N, C-alpha and C. Protein backbone atom coordinates (compact mmCIF):
# COMPACT_ATOMS: atom_id res chain seq x y z
N UNK A 1 177.46 148.64 290.00
CA UNK A 1 177.22 148.32 291.40
C UNK A 1 176.48 149.48 292.05
N UNK A 2 175.46 149.16 292.80
CA UNK A 2 174.64 150.15 293.46
C UNK A 2 175.37 150.73 294.67
N UNK A 3 175.19 152.02 294.90
CA UNK A 3 175.83 152.66 296.04
C UNK A 3 175.12 152.25 297.33
N UNK A 4 175.91 152.03 298.35
CA UNK A 4 175.37 151.64 299.66
C UNK A 4 174.56 152.80 300.22
N UNK A 5 173.43 152.47 300.79
CA UNK A 5 172.59 153.50 301.39
C UNK A 5 172.68 153.39 302.91
N UNK A 6 173.28 154.39 303.53
CA UNK A 6 173.38 154.39 304.98
C UNK A 6 172.01 154.58 305.63
N UNK A 7 171.12 155.26 304.92
CA UNK A 7 169.76 155.43 305.44
C UNK A 7 169.06 154.07 305.54
N UNK A 8 169.22 153.25 304.50
CA UNK A 8 168.63 151.91 304.52
C UNK A 8 169.30 151.07 305.59
N UNK A 9 170.64 151.16 305.68
CA UNK A 9 171.36 150.41 306.72
C UNK A 9 170.81 150.77 308.10
N UNK A 10 170.68 152.04 308.38
CA UNK A 10 170.19 152.50 309.68
C UNK A 10 168.79 151.96 309.98
N UNK A 11 167.94 152.05 309.00
CA UNK A 11 166.55 151.60 309.16
C UNK A 11 166.48 150.09 309.39
N UNK A 12 167.24 149.34 308.59
CA UNK A 12 167.21 147.88 308.71
C UNK A 12 167.84 147.41 310.01
N UNK A 13 168.90 148.05 310.42
CA UNK A 13 169.53 147.68 311.68
C UNK A 13 168.55 147.86 312.84
N UNK A 14 167.87 148.99 312.87
CA UNK A 14 166.91 149.23 313.94
C UNK A 14 165.76 148.23 313.90
N UNK A 15 165.26 147.94 312.69
CA UNK A 15 164.17 146.97 312.56
C UNK A 15 164.60 145.59 313.06
N UNK A 16 165.78 145.17 312.66
CA UNK A 16 166.29 143.87 313.10
C UNK A 16 166.48 143.83 314.61
N UNK A 17 167.05 144.87 315.16
CA UNK A 17 167.28 144.91 316.61
C UNK A 17 165.96 144.83 317.36
N UNK A 18 164.98 145.62 316.92
CA UNK A 18 163.68 145.63 317.59
C UNK A 18 162.94 144.31 317.41
N UNK A 19 163.04 143.72 316.23
CA UNK A 19 162.40 142.43 315.97
C UNK A 19 162.96 141.35 316.90
N UNK A 20 164.24 141.45 317.20
CA UNK A 20 164.88 140.48 318.09
C UNK A 20 164.81 140.91 319.56
N UNK A 21 164.02 141.94 319.84
CA UNK A 21 163.81 142.42 321.21
C UNK A 21 165.12 142.71 321.94
N UNK A 22 166.02 143.39 321.24
CA UNK A 22 167.30 143.74 321.84
C UNK A 22 167.37 145.24 322.11
N UNK A 23 168.03 145.60 323.18
CA UNK A 23 168.33 147.01 323.43
C UNK A 23 169.60 147.36 322.65
N UNK A 24 169.87 148.63 322.51
CA UNK A 24 171.12 149.03 321.85
C UNK A 24 172.31 148.53 322.67
N UNK A 25 172.16 148.52 323.98
CA UNK A 25 173.23 148.03 324.86
C UNK A 25 173.50 146.54 324.61
N UNK A 26 172.43 145.74 324.56
CA UNK A 26 172.59 144.29 324.35
C UNK A 26 173.22 144.01 322.99
N UNK A 27 172.77 144.70 321.95
CA UNK A 27 173.34 144.48 320.63
C UNK A 27 174.80 144.93 320.59
N UNK A 28 175.09 146.03 321.23
CA UNK A 28 176.47 146.50 321.30
C UNK A 28 177.39 145.46 321.94
N UNK A 29 176.91 144.84 323.02
CA UNK A 29 177.70 143.80 323.69
C UNK A 29 177.91 142.59 322.78
N UNK A 30 176.89 142.24 322.01
CA UNK A 30 176.98 141.09 321.11
C UNK A 30 178.04 141.31 320.03
N UNK A 31 178.08 142.52 319.47
CA UNK A 31 179.01 142.77 318.35
C UNK A 31 180.28 143.49 318.79
N UNK A 32 180.42 143.78 320.08
CA UNK A 32 181.66 144.36 320.59
C UNK A 32 181.80 145.86 320.40
N UNK A 33 180.71 146.57 320.63
CA UNK A 33 180.76 148.03 320.58
C UNK A 33 179.81 148.60 321.62
N UNK A 34 179.73 149.90 321.74
CA UNK A 34 178.89 150.51 322.77
C UNK A 34 177.45 150.71 322.29
N UNK A 35 176.56 150.90 323.24
CA UNK A 35 175.17 151.19 322.89
C UNK A 35 175.07 152.54 322.17
N UNK A 36 175.94 153.48 322.52
CA UNK A 36 175.93 154.79 321.86
C UNK A 36 176.30 154.64 320.38
N UNK A 37 177.25 153.76 320.09
CA UNK A 37 177.65 153.53 318.70
C UNK A 37 176.50 152.90 317.92
N UNK A 38 175.83 151.91 318.50
CA UNK A 38 174.67 151.29 317.84
C UNK A 38 173.61 152.35 317.57
N UNK A 39 173.35 153.19 318.55
CA UNK A 39 172.37 154.26 318.39
C UNK A 39 172.77 155.21 317.25
N UNK A 40 174.04 155.53 317.16
CA UNK A 40 174.51 156.41 316.08
C UNK A 40 174.37 155.73 314.72
N UNK A 41 174.61 154.41 314.67
CA UNK A 41 174.38 153.69 313.40
C UNK A 41 172.91 153.80 312.99
N UNK A 42 172.02 153.62 313.96
CA UNK A 42 170.59 153.62 313.68
C UNK A 42 170.04 154.99 313.30
N UNK A 43 170.72 156.03 313.70
CA UNK A 43 170.28 157.38 313.34
C UNK A 43 171.06 157.96 312.17
N UNK A 44 171.99 157.17 311.64
CA UNK A 44 172.78 157.63 310.50
C UNK A 44 173.85 158.64 310.86
N UNK A 45 174.18 158.76 312.13
CA UNK A 45 175.20 159.72 312.57
C UNK A 45 176.61 159.16 312.50
N UNK A 46 176.70 157.85 312.27
CA UNK A 46 178.02 157.22 312.21
C UNK A 46 177.99 156.10 311.19
N UNK A 47 179.06 156.00 310.40
CA UNK A 47 179.20 154.92 309.42
C UNK A 47 179.84 153.71 310.10
N UNK A 48 179.25 152.54 309.93
CA UNK A 48 179.85 151.35 310.55
C UNK A 48 181.05 150.86 309.74
N UNK A 49 181.99 150.21 310.42
CA UNK A 49 183.10 149.62 309.69
C UNK A 49 182.69 148.22 309.23
N UNK A 50 183.44 147.67 308.31
CA UNK A 50 183.10 146.38 307.69
C UNK A 50 183.02 145.25 308.71
N UNK A 51 183.91 145.25 309.69
CA UNK A 51 183.90 144.18 310.69
C UNK A 51 182.59 144.19 311.47
N UNK A 52 182.13 145.36 311.87
CA UNK A 52 180.86 145.46 312.61
C UNK A 52 179.70 145.05 311.71
N UNK A 53 179.70 145.50 310.47
CA UNK A 53 178.61 145.12 309.55
C UNK A 53 178.57 143.60 309.40
N UNK A 54 179.73 142.98 309.28
CA UNK A 54 179.80 141.52 309.16
C UNK A 54 179.24 140.85 310.41
N UNK A 55 179.64 141.34 311.59
CA UNK A 55 179.14 140.77 312.84
C UNK A 55 177.62 140.91 312.95
N UNK A 56 177.10 142.07 312.56
CA UNK A 56 175.66 142.30 312.61
C UNK A 56 174.92 141.36 311.66
N UNK A 57 175.42 141.25 310.43
CA UNK A 57 174.79 140.38 309.44
C UNK A 57 174.80 138.93 309.92
N UNK A 58 175.92 138.50 310.47
CA UNK A 58 176.03 137.12 310.95
C UNK A 58 175.07 136.88 312.11
N UNK A 59 175.03 137.80 313.06
CA UNK A 59 174.15 137.63 314.21
C UNK A 59 172.68 137.55 313.79
N UNK A 60 172.26 138.44 312.89
CA UNK A 60 170.85 138.49 312.49
C UNK A 60 170.51 137.50 311.39
N UNK A 61 171.50 136.84 310.82
CA UNK A 61 171.24 135.85 309.77
C UNK A 61 170.81 136.47 308.46
N UNK A 62 171.36 137.63 308.16
CA UNK A 62 171.06 138.31 306.89
C UNK A 62 172.40 138.54 306.17
N UNK A 63 172.32 138.97 304.94
CA UNK A 63 173.54 139.26 304.19
C UNK A 63 173.98 140.70 304.45
N UNK A 64 175.24 140.94 304.21
CA UNK A 64 175.76 142.31 304.28
C UNK A 64 175.04 143.15 303.23
N UNK A 65 174.80 142.57 302.07
CA UNK A 65 174.10 143.29 301.00
C UNK A 65 172.72 143.75 301.46
N UNK A 66 172.01 142.87 302.17
CA UNK A 66 170.69 143.24 302.67
C UNK A 66 170.81 144.43 303.63
N UNK A 67 171.72 144.33 304.58
CA UNK A 67 171.89 145.42 305.54
C UNK A 67 172.21 146.75 304.86
N UNK A 68 172.98 146.68 303.79
CA UNK A 68 173.45 147.90 303.13
C UNK A 68 172.54 148.38 302.01
N UNK A 69 171.42 147.71 301.78
CA UNK A 69 170.44 148.20 300.82
C UNK A 69 170.59 147.70 299.41
N UNK A 70 171.46 146.72 299.19
CA UNK A 70 171.66 146.21 297.84
C UNK A 70 170.39 145.61 297.24
N UNK A 71 169.53 145.06 298.07
CA UNK A 71 168.31 144.42 297.57
C UNK A 71 167.06 145.24 297.90
N UNK A 72 167.20 146.55 297.97
CA UNK A 72 166.09 147.41 298.37
C UNK A 72 164.86 147.23 297.50
N UNK A 73 165.06 146.83 296.24
CA UNK A 73 163.91 146.67 295.35
C UNK A 73 163.00 145.53 295.77
N UNK A 74 163.49 144.58 296.59
CA UNK A 74 162.64 143.49 297.03
C UNK A 74 162.30 143.58 298.52
N UNK A 75 162.58 144.71 299.11
CA UNK A 75 162.28 144.95 300.52
C UNK A 75 160.76 144.90 300.71
N UNK A 76 160.31 144.14 301.69
CA UNK A 76 158.87 143.97 301.94
C UNK A 76 158.20 145.32 302.21
N UNK A 77 158.91 146.21 302.87
CA UNK A 77 158.34 147.52 303.16
C UNK A 77 158.08 148.30 301.86
N UNK A 78 159.03 148.21 300.93
CA UNK A 78 158.83 148.87 299.63
C UNK A 78 157.66 148.26 298.88
N UNK A 79 157.56 146.94 298.94
CA UNK A 79 156.44 146.27 298.28
C UNK A 79 155.10 146.70 298.87
N UNK A 80 155.06 146.81 300.19
CA UNK A 80 153.81 147.24 300.84
C UNK A 80 153.45 148.67 300.45
N UNK A 81 154.46 149.52 300.35
CA UNK A 81 154.22 150.91 299.93
C UNK A 81 153.66 150.96 298.52
N UNK A 82 154.27 150.19 297.62
CA UNK A 82 153.77 150.15 296.24
C UNK A 82 152.34 149.60 296.20
N UNK A 83 152.10 148.54 296.96
CA UNK A 83 150.77 147.93 297.00
C UNK A 83 149.72 148.94 297.49
N UNK A 84 150.06 149.70 298.51
CA UNK A 84 149.10 150.66 299.07
C UNK A 84 148.70 151.75 298.08
N UNK A 85 149.53 151.96 297.06
CA UNK A 85 149.24 153.00 296.08
C UNK A 85 148.47 152.48 294.86
N UNK A 86 148.19 151.17 294.84
CA UNK A 86 147.44 150.60 293.72
C UNK A 86 145.95 150.88 293.84
N UNK A 87 145.29 150.84 292.71
CA UNK A 87 143.82 150.93 292.72
C UNK A 87 143.28 149.64 293.32
N UNK A 88 142.03 149.64 293.72
CA UNK A 88 141.42 148.44 294.30
C UNK A 88 141.45 147.27 293.31
N UNK A 89 141.21 147.56 292.04
CA UNK A 89 141.24 146.52 291.02
C UNK A 89 142.65 145.93 290.89
N UNK A 90 143.65 146.80 290.90
CA UNK A 90 145.03 146.33 290.80
C UNK A 90 145.45 145.55 292.04
N UNK A 91 144.97 145.96 293.21
CA UNK A 91 145.26 145.21 294.43
C UNK A 91 144.69 143.80 294.33
N UNK A 92 143.47 143.70 293.83
CA UNK A 92 142.84 142.40 293.65
C UNK A 92 143.64 141.53 292.69
N UNK A 93 144.09 142.13 291.58
CA UNK A 93 144.90 141.40 290.60
C UNK A 93 146.22 140.94 291.22
N UNK A 94 146.82 141.80 292.02
CA UNK A 94 148.09 141.46 292.65
C UNK A 94 147.92 140.27 293.60
N UNK A 95 146.86 140.29 294.39
CA UNK A 95 146.59 139.18 295.32
C UNK A 95 146.34 137.89 294.55
N UNK A 96 145.59 137.97 293.46
CA UNK A 96 145.34 136.78 292.65
C UNK A 96 146.64 136.22 292.09
N UNK A 97 147.52 137.10 291.63
CA UNK A 97 148.78 136.65 291.04
C UNK A 97 149.69 136.04 292.11
N UNK A 98 149.76 136.66 293.26
CA UNK A 98 150.58 136.12 294.35
C UNK A 98 150.04 134.76 294.79
N UNK A 99 148.73 134.63 294.87
CA UNK A 99 148.11 133.35 295.22
C UNK A 99 148.46 132.31 294.17
N UNK A 100 148.40 132.68 292.91
CA UNK A 100 148.76 131.78 291.82
C UNK A 100 150.21 131.31 291.97
N UNK A 101 151.14 132.24 292.22
CA UNK A 101 152.55 131.89 292.37
C UNK A 101 152.77 130.97 293.59
N UNK A 102 152.05 131.26 294.65
CA UNK A 102 152.17 130.45 295.86
C UNK A 102 151.71 129.02 295.59
N UNK A 103 150.55 128.87 294.96
CA UNK A 103 150.01 127.54 294.66
C UNK A 103 150.90 126.80 293.67
N UNK A 104 151.42 127.52 292.71
CA UNK A 104 152.32 126.93 291.69
C UNK A 104 153.60 126.42 292.33
N UNK A 105 154.08 127.12 293.36
CA UNK A 105 155.33 126.76 294.01
C UNK A 105 155.23 125.61 295.00
N UNK A 106 154.03 125.16 295.32
CA UNK A 106 153.85 124.07 296.30
C UNK A 106 154.35 122.75 295.76
């Protein structure tokens, strides 16, 4: 079992909150905690308890595993970082393969 990454949790929580156009105060009210606590989660200064993680995952429609970094290998941000480091030829091949998979899946 992979160790939980609080750094990934903090980053994903902030991304989800911002994507949903929520302030730390609004999110805190939704899950029953303070805006300061949400801010500390996002900066990695405080570890969330399981009940809060569950409430956050439920509200945002994601899994607890996603929030905690269990699926970091398929994180879109990681994929974009890997893609940016490819040669132009490899980028072209990657786009062709993704297009192939997309068409195949229709």
